[in-house]
C-alpha atoms as a PDB file:
ATOM      1  CA  VAL A   1     125.856-130.802-103.924  1.00  0.00           C
ATOM      2  CA  LEU A   2     125.786-128.427-106.872  1.00  0.00           C
ATOM      3  CA  LYS A   3     122.629-130.150-108.097  1.00  0.00           C
ATOM      4  CA  VAL A   4     120.972-129.647-104.715  1.00  0.00           C
ATOM      5  CA  LEU A   5     122.071-126.018-104.659  1.00  0.00           C
ATOM      6  CA  SER A   6     120.677-125.539-108.123  1.00  0.00           C
ATOM      7  CA  HIS A   7     117.328-127.011-107.013  1.00  0.00           C
ATOM      8  CA  ILE A   8     117.287-124.745-103.926  1.00  0.00           C
ATOM      9  CA  ASP A   9     118.114-121.776-106.133  1.00  0.00           C
ATOM     10  CA  SER A  10     115.145-122.533-108.376  1.00  0.00           C
ATOM     11  CA  VAL A  11     112.848-122.835-105.368  1.00  0.00           C
ATOM     12  CA  LEU A  12     114.095-119.579-103.897  1.00  0.00           C
ATOM     13  CA  GLN A  13     113.513-117.728-107.141  1.00  0.00           C
ATOM     14  CA  SER A  14     109.961-119.096-107.410  1.00  0.00           C
ATOM     15  CA  PRO A  15     107.127-116.510-107.318  1.00  0.00           C
ATOM     16  CA  ARG A  16     105.810-118.212-104.156  1.00  0.00           C
ATOM     17  CA  ALA A  17     109.077-117.704-102.270  1.00  0.00           C
ATOM     18  CA  PRO A  18     109.271-114.813 -99.757  1.00  0.00           C
ATOM     19  CA  PRO A  19     110.868-111.777-101.410  1.00  0.00           C
ATOM     20  CA  LEU A  20     113.463-111.364 -98.641  1.00  0.00           C
ATOM     21  CA  LEU A  21     114.589-114.974 -98.738  1.00  0.00           C
ATOM     22  CA  TYR A  22     116.611-114.734-101.936  1.00  0.00           C
ATOM     23  CA  ARG A  23     119.072-111.936-102.611  1.00  0.00           C
ATOM     24  CA  ARG A  24     121.937-111.765-105.072  1.00  0.00           C
ATOM     25  CA  SER A  25     125.303-111.472-103.405  1.00  0.00           C
ATOM     26  CA  LYS A  26     127.036-108.130-103.534  1.00  0.00           C
ATOM     27  CA  GLY A  27     130.765-108.063-104.022  1.00  0.00           C
ATOM     28  CA  PRO A  28     133.056-110.959-104.879  1.00  0.00           C
ATOM     29  CA  VAL A  29     131.822-114.449-104.147  1.00  0.00           C
ATOM     30  CA  GLN A  30     134.473-116.716-102.735  1.00  0.00           C
ATOM     31  CA  SER A  31     132.953-120.142-102.337  1.00  0.00           C
ATOM     32  CA  CYS A  32     129.380-120.080-103.590  1.00  0.00           C
ATOM     33  CA  LEU A  33     129.640-120.429-107.377  1.00  0.00           C
ATOM     34  CA  LYS A  34     127.910-122.779-109.690  1.00  0.00           C
ATOM     35  CA  GLU A  35     129.611-124.577-112.513  1.00  0.00           C
ATOM     36  CA  ASN A  36     128.399-121.963-114.990  1.00  0.00           C
ATOM     37  CA  GLY A  37     129.854-119.178-112.838  1.00  0.00           C
ATOM     38  CA  GLN A  38     126.553-117.676-111.590  1.00  0.00           C
ATOM     39  CA  GLN A  39     126.209-116.507-107.991  1.00  0.00           C
ATOM     40  CA  CYS A  40     124.050-118.789-105.838  1.00  0.00           C
ATOM     41  CA  GLY A  41     122.863-116.000-103.411  1.00  0.00           C
ATOM     42  CA  PHE A  42     122.637-118.212-100.301  1.00  0.00           C
ATOM     43  CA  GLU A  43     124.759-116.083 -97.947  1.00  0.00           C
ATOM     44  CA  HIS A  44     121.783-115.025 -95.770  1.00  0.00           C
ATOM     45  CA  LEU A  45     119.885-118.328 -95.995  1.00  0.00           C
ATOM     46  CA  PRO A  46     120.919-119.524 -92.448  1.00  0.00           C
ATOM     47  CA  LEU A  47     119.520-116.315 -90.972  1.00  0.00           C
ATOM     48  CA  ALA A  48     116.270-116.842 -92.874  1.00  0.00           C
ATOM     49  CA  ILE A  49     116.040-120.434 -91.640  1.00  0.00           C
ATOM     50  CA  GLU A  50     116.598-119.265 -88.063  1.00  0.00           C
ATOM     51  CA  MET A  51     113.838-116.693 -88.544  1.00  0.00           C
ATOM     52  CA  TRP A  52     111.579-119.446 -89.866  1.00  0.00           C
ATOM     53  CA  ALA A  53     112.310-121.589 -86.820  1.00  0.00           C
ATOM     54  CA  ASP A  54     111.432-118.702 -84.494  1.00  0.00           C
ATOM     55  CA  GLN A  55     108.244-118.049 -86.430  1.00  0.00           C
ATOM     56  CA  LEU A  56     107.245-121.730 -86.192  1.00  0.00           C
ATOM     57  CA  MET A  57     107.706-121.605 -82.433  1.00  0.00           C
ATOM     58  CA  ALA A  58     105.725-118.364 -82.275  1.00  0.00           C
ATOM     59  CA  LEU A  59     103.061-120.063 -84.391  1.00  0.00           C
ATOM     60  CA  LYS A  60     102.572-122.680 -81.664  1.00  0.00           C
ATOM     61  CA  ASP A  61     102.333-119.970 -79.003  1.00  0.00           C
ATOM     62  CA  LEU A  62      99.807-118.071 -81.116  1.00  0.00           C
ATOM     63  CA  HIS A  63      97.793-121.270 -81.607  1.00  0.00           C
ATOM     64  CA  ARG A  64      97.764-121.849 -77.839  1.00  0.00           C
ATOM     65  CA  SER A  65      96.598-118.284 -77.169  1.00  0.00           C
ATOM     66  CA  LEU A  66      93.862-118.517 -79.784  1.00  0.00           C
ATOM     67  CA  LYS A  67      92.636-121.786 -78.260  1.00  0.00           C
ATOM     68  CA  LYS A  68      92.365-120.096 -74.842  1.00  0.00           C
ATOM     69  CA  LEU A  69      90.463-117.211 -76.406  1.00  0.00           C
ATOM     70  CA  SER A  70      88.203-119.673 -78.198  1.00  0.00           C
ATOM     71  CA  LEU A  71      87.442-121.501 -74.926  1.00  0.00           C
ATOM     72  CA  GLU A  72      86.457-118.184 -73.327  1.00  0.00           C
ATOM     73  CA  LEU A  73      84.252-117.019 -76.197  1.00  0.00           C
ATOM     74  CA  LEU A  74      83.048-120.392 -77.502  1.00  0.00           C
ATOM     75  CA  PRO A  75      83.068-122.792 -74.511  1.00  0.00           C
ATOM     76  CA  TRP A  76      80.511-125.064 -76.153  1.00  0.00           C
ATOM     77  CA  HIS A  77      82.804-125.910 -79.081  1.00  0.00           C
ATOM     78  CA  THR A  78      84.323-129.368 -78.776  1.00  0.00           C
ATOM     79  CA  ALA A  79      88.074-129.747 -78.971  1.00  0.00           C
ATOM     80  CA  ASP A  80      89.593-130.849 -82.263  1.00  0.00           C
ATOM     81  CA  PRO A  81      91.390-134.224 -81.829  1.00  0.00           C
ATOM     82  CA  GLN A  82      94.212-132.812 -84.006  1.00  0.00           C
ATOM     83  CA  ASP A  83      94.879-129.922 -81.623  1.00  0.00           C
ATOM     84  CA  ASN A  84      97.690-131.840 -79.911  1.00  0.00           C
ATOM     85  CA  ARG A  85      99.636-132.555 -83.044  1.00  0.00           C
ATOM     86  CA  GLU A  86     103.178-131.232 -83.346  1.00  0.00           C
ATOM     87  CA  SER A  87     102.857-129.345 -86.617  1.00  0.00           C
ATOM     88  CA  ILE A  88     100.624-126.278 -86.558  1.00  0.00           C
ATOM     89  CA  ARG A  89      99.420-124.898 -89.863  1.00  0.00           C
ATOM     90  CA  VAL A  90      98.314-121.389 -90.652  1.00  0.00           C
ATOM     91  CA  GLU A  91      95.007-122.908 -91.769  1.00  0.00           C
ATOM     92  CA  ASP A  92      94.410-124.104 -88.198  1.00  0.00           C
ATOM     93  CA  LEU A  93      94.829-120.598 -86.835  1.00  0.00           C
ATOM     94  CA  GLN A  94      92.642-119.159 -89.571  1.00  0.00           C
ATOM     95  CA  PHE A  95      89.909-121.679 -88.714  1.00  0.00           C
ATOM     96  CA  ILE A  96      89.883-120.582 -85.054  1.00  0.00           C
ATOM     97  CA  VAL A  97      89.849-116.893 -85.991  1.00  0.00           C
ATOM     98  CA  ASP A  98      87.003-117.449 -88.486  1.00  0.00           C
ATOM     99  CA  ALA A  99      84.958-119.291 -85.844  1.00  0.00           C
ATOM    100  CA  ILE A 100      85.422-116.438 -83.357  1.00  0.00           C
ATOM    101  CA  LEU A 101      84.551-113.810 -85.981  1.00  0.00           C
ATOM    102  CA  GLU A 102      81.459-115.779 -87.013  1.00  0.00           C
ATOM    103  CA  GLU A 103      80.300-115.958 -83.400  1.00  0.00           C
ATOM    104  CA  ILE A 104      80.826-112.209 -82.963  1.00  0.00           C
ATOM    105  CA  GLU A 105      78.861-111.491 -86.144  1.00  0.00           C
ATOM    106  CA  ASN A 106      76.041-113.768 -85.005  1.00  0.00           C
ATOM    107  CA  LYS A 107      75.932-111.975 -81.653  1.00  0.00           C
ATOM    108  CA  GLU A 108      75.642-108.634 -83.407  1.00  0.00           C
ATOM    109  CA  LYS A 109      72.849-109.927 -85.642  1.00  0.00           C
ATOM    110  CA  ASN A 110      71.007-111.653 -82.814  1.00  0.00           C
ATOM    111  CA  SER A 111      71.725-109.248 -80.007  1.00  0.00           C
ATOM    112  CA  GLN A 112      68.344-110.098 -78.415  1.00  0.00           C
ATOM    113  CA  THR A 113      69.248-113.788 -78.107  1.00  0.00           C
ATOM    114  CA  PRO A 114      71.343-114.401 -74.972  1.00  0.00           C
ATOM    115  CA  SER A 115      74.463-116.491 -75.346  1.00  0.00           C
ATOM    116  CA  LEU A 116      75.280-119.581 -73.308  1.00  0.00           C
ATOM    117  CA  PRO A 117      77.671-117.684 -70.975  1.00  0.00           C
ATOM    118  CA  THR A 118      74.960-115.082 -70.373  1.00  0.00           C
ATOM    119  CA  LEU A 119      72.390-117.765 -69.532  1.00  0.00           C
ATOM    120  CA  SER A 120      74.903-119.484 -67.248  1.00  0.00           C
ATOM    121  CA  ALA A 121      75.527-116.198 -65.436  1.00  0.00           C
ATOM    122  CA  ILE A 122      71.767-115.667 -65.005  1.00  0.00           C
ATOM    123  CA  VAL A 123      71.323-119.135 -63.473  1.00  0.00           C
ATOM    124  CA  SER A 124      74.280-118.577 -61.118  1.00  0.00           C
ATOM    125  CA  HIS A 125      72.839-115.228 -60.035  1.00  0.00           C
ATOM    126  CA  PHE A 126      69.442-116.862 -59.358  1.00  0.00           C
ATOM    127  CA  GLN A 127      71.150-119.527 -57.232  1.00  0.00           C
ATOM    128  CA  LYS A 128      72.863-116.844 -55.141  1.00  0.00           C
ATOM    129  CA  LEU A 129      69.718-114.744 -54.703  1.00  0.00           C
ATOM    130  CA  PHE A 130      67.455-117.615 -53.657  1.00  0.00           C
ATOM    131  CA  ASP A 131      70.023-119.874 -51.939  1.00  0.00           C
ATOM    132  CA  VAL A 132      69.880-122.791 -54.406  1.00  0.00           C
ATOM    133  CA  ASN A 133      72.820-125.168 -54.007  1.00  0.00           C
ATOM    134  CA  SER A 134      72.408-127.244 -57.170  1.00  0.00           C
ATOM    135  CA  LEU A 135      71.018-126.918 -60.665  1.00  0.00           C
ATOM    136  CA  ASN A 136      68.382-129.539 -59.842  1.00  0.00           C
ATOM    137  CA  GLY A 137      66.909-127.166 -57.268  1.00  0.00           C
ATOM    138  CA  VAL A 138      66.566-124.220 -59.659  1.00  0.00           C
ATOM    139  CA  TYR A 139      63.225-125.233 -61.204  1.00  0.00           C
ATOM    140  CA  PRO A 140      61.508-126.093 -57.883  1.00  0.00           C
ATOM    141  CA  ARG A 141      62.676-122.805 -56.375  1.00  0.00           C
ATOM    142  CA  MET A 142      61.467-120.940 -59.462  1.00  0.00           C
ATOM    143  CA  ASN A 143      58.021-122.502 -59.044  1.00  0.00           C
ATOM    144  CA  GLU A 144      58.025-121.634 -55.341  1.00  0.00           C
ATOM    145  CA  VAL A 145      59.017-118.029 -56.026  1.00  0.00           C
ATOM    146  CA  TYR A 146      56.370-117.769 -58.754  1.00  0.00           C
ATOM    147  CA  THR A 147      53.675-119.104 -56.392  1.00  0.00           C
ATOM    148  CA  LYS A 148      54.663-116.769 -53.546  1.00  0.00           C
ATOM    149  CA  LEU A 149      54.821-113.831 -55.920  1.00  0.00           C
ATOM    150  CA  GLY A 150      51.310-114.601 -57.170  1.00  0.00           C
ATOM    151  CA  GLU A 151      49.971-114.779 -53.618  1.00  0.00           C
ATOM    152  CA  LEU A 152      51.606-111.490 -52.665  1.00  0.00           C
ATOM    153  CA  THR A 153      50.348-109.824 -55.841  1.00  0.00           C
ATOM    154  CA  ASN A 154      46.772-110.938 -55.151  1.00  0.00           C
ATOM    155  CA  ALA A 155      47.016-109.811 -51.508  1.00  0.00           C
ATOM    156  CA  MET A 156      48.300-106.381 -52.520  1.00  0.00           C
ATOM    157  CA  ARG A 157      45.566-106.021 -55.143  1.00  0.00           C
ATOM    158  CA  ASN A 158      42.879-106.909 -52.577  1.00  0.00           C
ATOM    159  CA  LEU A 159      44.345-104.447 -50.063  1.00  0.00           C
ATOM    160  CA  HIS A 160      44.329-101.704 -52.689  1.00  0.00           C
ATOM    161  CA  GLU A 161      40.657-102.372 -53.341  1.00  0.00           C
ATOM    162  CA  LEU A 162      39.661-102.642 -49.651  1.00  0.00           C
ATOM    163  CA  LEU A 163      41.546 -99.487 -48.687  1.00  0.00           C
ATOM    164  CA  GLU A 164      40.315 -97.689 -51.812  1.00  0.00           C
ATOM    165  CA  LEU A 165      43.848 -96.916 -52.918  1.00  0.00           C
ATOM    166  CA  ASP A 166      45.079 -96.396 -56.451  1.00  0.00           C
ATOM    167  CA  SER A 167      46.553 -99.530 -58.016  1.00  0.00           C
ATOM    168  CA  SER A 168      49.848 -97.694 -58.532  1.00  0.00           C
ATOM    169  CA  ALA A 169      50.248 -96.969 -54.802  1.00  0.00           C
ATOM    170  CA  PRO A 170      53.534 -98.483 -53.531  1.00  0.00           C
ATOM    171  CA  PRO A 171      53.597-101.067 -50.715  1.00  0.00           C
ATOM    172  CA  THR A 172      54.795 -98.432 -48.233  1.00  0.00           C
ATOM    173  CA  VAL A 173      51.566 -96.493 -48.717  1.00  0.00           C
ATOM    174  CA  VAL A 174      49.548 -99.669 -48.162  1.00  0.00           C
ATOM    175  CA  VAL A 175      51.433-100.426 -44.924  1.00  0.00           C
ATOM    176  CA  ASP A 176      50.959 -96.868 -43.639  1.00  0.00           C
ATOM    177  CA  THR A 177      47.237 -96.978 -44.410  1.00  0.00           C
ATOM    178  CA  VAL A 178      46.813-100.322 -42.628  1.00  0.00           C
ATOM    179  CA  GLY A 179      48.713 -98.936 -39.627  1.00  0.00           C
ATOM    180  CA  LYS A 180      46.427 -95.905 -39.411  1.00  0.00           C
ATOM    181  CA  LEU A 181      43.371 -98.150 -39.701  1.00  0.00           C
ATOM    182  CA  CYS A 182      44.661-100.362 -36.871  1.00  0.00           C
ATOM    183  CA  ASN A 183      45.185 -97.284 -34.673  1.00  0.00           C
ATOM    184  CA  ILE A 184      41.615 -96.157 -35.322  1.00  0.00           C
ATOM    185  CA  ILE A 185      40.258 -99.626 -34.485  1.00  0.00           C
ATOM    186  CA  ASN A 186      42.296 -99.789 -31.273  1.00  0.00           C
ATOM    187  CA  GLU A 187      41.011 -96.382 -30.197  1.00  0.00           C
ATOM    188  CA  ASN A 188      37.413 -97.439 -30.863  1.00  0.00           C
ATOM    189  CA  VAL A 189      37.873-100.683 -28.935  1.00  0.00           C
ATOM    190  CA  THR A 190      39.280 -98.759 -25.982  1.00  0.00           C
ATOM    191  CA  LYS A 191      36.314 -96.397 -26.003  1.00  0.00           C
ATOM    192  CA  GLN A 192      33.856 -99.301 -26.218  1.00  0.00           C
ATOM    193  CA  VAL A 193      35.510-101.032 -23.238  1.00  0.00           C
ATOM    194  CA  GLN A 194      35.360 -97.824 -21.258  1.00  0.00           C
ATOM    195  CA  GLN A 195      31.677 -97.382 -22.112  1.00  0.00           C
ATOM    196  CA  LEU A 196      30.954-101.001 -21.218  1.00  0.00           C
ATOM    197  CA  LEU A 197      32.543-100.604 -17.813  1.00  0.00           C
ATOM    198  CA  GLY A 198      30.779 -97.296 -17.356  1.00  0.00           C
ATOM    199  CA  THR A 199      33.907 -95.339 -16.556  1.00  0.00           C
ATOM    200  CA  GLN A 200      36.550 -93.300 -18.271  1.00  0.00           C
ATOM    201  CA  ASP A 201      38.992 -93.554 -15.414  1.00  0.00           C
ATOM    202  CA  ILE A 202      41.317 -96.511 -14.959  1.00  0.00           C
ATOM    203  CA  HIS A 203      41.341 -95.929 -11.196  1.00  0.00           C
ATOM    204  CA  ARG A 204      37.561 -96.317 -11.046  1.00  0.00           C
ATOM    205  CA  ILE A 205      37.890 -99.567 -13.014  1.00  0.00           C
ATOM    206  CA  ILE A 206      40.320-100.852 -10.406  1.00  0.00           C
ATOM    207  CA  SER A 207      37.949 -99.787  -7.642  1.00  0.00           C
ATOM    208  CA  LYS A 208      35.042-101.678  -9.214  1.00  0.00           C
ATOM    209  CA  LEU A 209      37.151-104.796  -9.510  1.00  0.00           C
ATOM    210  CA  GLU A 210      38.105-104.536  -5.863  1.00  0.00           C
ATOM    211  CA  GLU A 211      34.420-104.209  -4.908  1.00  0.00           C
ATOM    212  CA  HIS A 212      33.670-107.296  -6.952  1.00  0.00           C
ATOM    213  CA  GLU A 213      36.390-109.228  -5.166  1.00  0.00           C
ATOM    214  CA  CYS A 214      34.918-108.185  -1.778  1.00  0.00           C
ATOM    215  CA  PHE A 215      31.308-109.030  -2.623  1.00  0.00           C
ATOM    216  CA  PHE A 216      31.449-112.116  -4.814  1.00  0.00           C
ATOM    217  CA  PRO A 217      33.216-114.664  -2.530  1.00  0.00           C
ATOM    218  CA  PRO A 218      30.742-114.302   0.406  1.00  0.00           C
ATOM    219  CA  PHE A 219      27.786-114.327  -2.010  1.00  0.00           C
ATOM    220  CA  GLN A 220      29.096-117.473  -3.685  1.00  0.00           C
ATOM    221  CA  ALA A 221      29.549-119.162  -0.288  1.00  0.00           C
ATOM    222  CA  LEU A 222      25.972-118.254   0.694  1.00  0.00           C
ATOM    223  CA  ILE A 223      24.545-119.723  -2.515  1.00  0.00           C
ATOM    224  CA  GLN A 224      26.563-122.915  -2.043  1.00  0.00           C
ATOM    225  CA  ASP A 225      25.218-123.292   1.506  1.00  0.00           C
ATOM    226  CA  LEU A 226      21.603-122.771   0.326  1.00  0.00           C
ATOM    227  CA  LEU A 227      21.983-125.380  -2.400  1.00  0.00           C
ATOM    228  CA  ARG A 228      23.361-127.860   0.098  1.00  0.00           C
ATOM    229  CA  LEU A 229      20.671-127.165   2.753  1.00  0.00           C
ATOM    230  CA  LEU A 230      17.812-127.280   0.266  1.00  0.00           C
ATOM    231  CA  GLU A 231      19.332-130.363  -1.381  1.00  0.00           C
ATOM    232  CA  ILE A 232      19.079-128.908  -4.847  1.00  0.00           C
ATOM    233  CA  SER A 233      21.691-128.312  -7.566  1.00  0.00           C
ATOM    234  CA  ASN A 234      20.159-125.587  -9.725  1.00  0.00           C
ATOM    235  CA  LEU A 235      20.100-121.893  -8.838  1.00  0.00           C
ATOM    236  CA  ASP A 236      16.675-121.502 -10.460  1.00  0.00           C
ATOM    237  CA  ASP A 237      15.223-123.986  -7.937  1.00  0.00           C
ATOM    238  CA  ILE A 238      16.173-121.956  -4.847  1.00  0.00           C
ATOM    239  CA  LEU A 239      13.221-119.541  -4.877  1.00  0.00           C
ATOM    240  CA  PRO A 240      10.476-122.189  -5.536  1.00  0.00           C
ATOM    241  CA  THR A 241      11.910-124.433  -2.795  1.00  0.00           C
ATOM    242  CA  VAL A 242      11.966-121.588  -0.216  1.00  0.00           C
ATOM    243  CA  GLN A 243       8.337-120.683  -1.112  1.00  0.00           C
ATOM    244  CA  ASN A 244       7.254-124.292  -0.570  1.00  0.00           C
ATOM    245  CA  LEU A 245       8.865-124.239   2.864  1.00  0.00           C
ATOM    246  CA  LYS A 246       6.656-121.308   3.853  1.00  0.00           C
END
């Protein structure tokens, strides 16, 4: 036992040992003496071992938290097959921290290059905007949107030219101009119809229609009777046939 204690004492006094792990005993030593009468200084060693045990447990919790953080920031990194091992080393934690720091530095250097989470968010937003249920439908819908956008752009450009509007005029101005043009055309058509009917009064139009309804049926019946009596089928033959009868 004394040999083991002597070996532990040499380890504790090593330059690599934590400074608080080894302390010389103060006061009389009752049971912890070596053969040469030197104090062994192990009175607080159980407390240090308990602290080590707590730190090892905390090391596992810290490793678990860092892995969660790594999955959030670096989801494309594959899991290390040794992640499930019982013993966690400080080197493992340092490796995760270095990977996260390297990714952050790369993002700062290449701020114009979007990350994978950013691209994933853009695709998800496109799916919501254009009602795409699967990733396979993203490219076809993109092509469809691009085609429709091109058609609308060409139509707006042609309308700007036809209406003699500035190319920077917003769509609302184009719609208002088209509406005014349609009103002008409708007014002109109404005037032309009124001129064609020879009246500006809707009541006179109704009166003319009523006169037509009174005159046309008897006239049509007369013509039908003449065609039947003269045994002809063409209106142009009525007058020559009547003249021949004379």
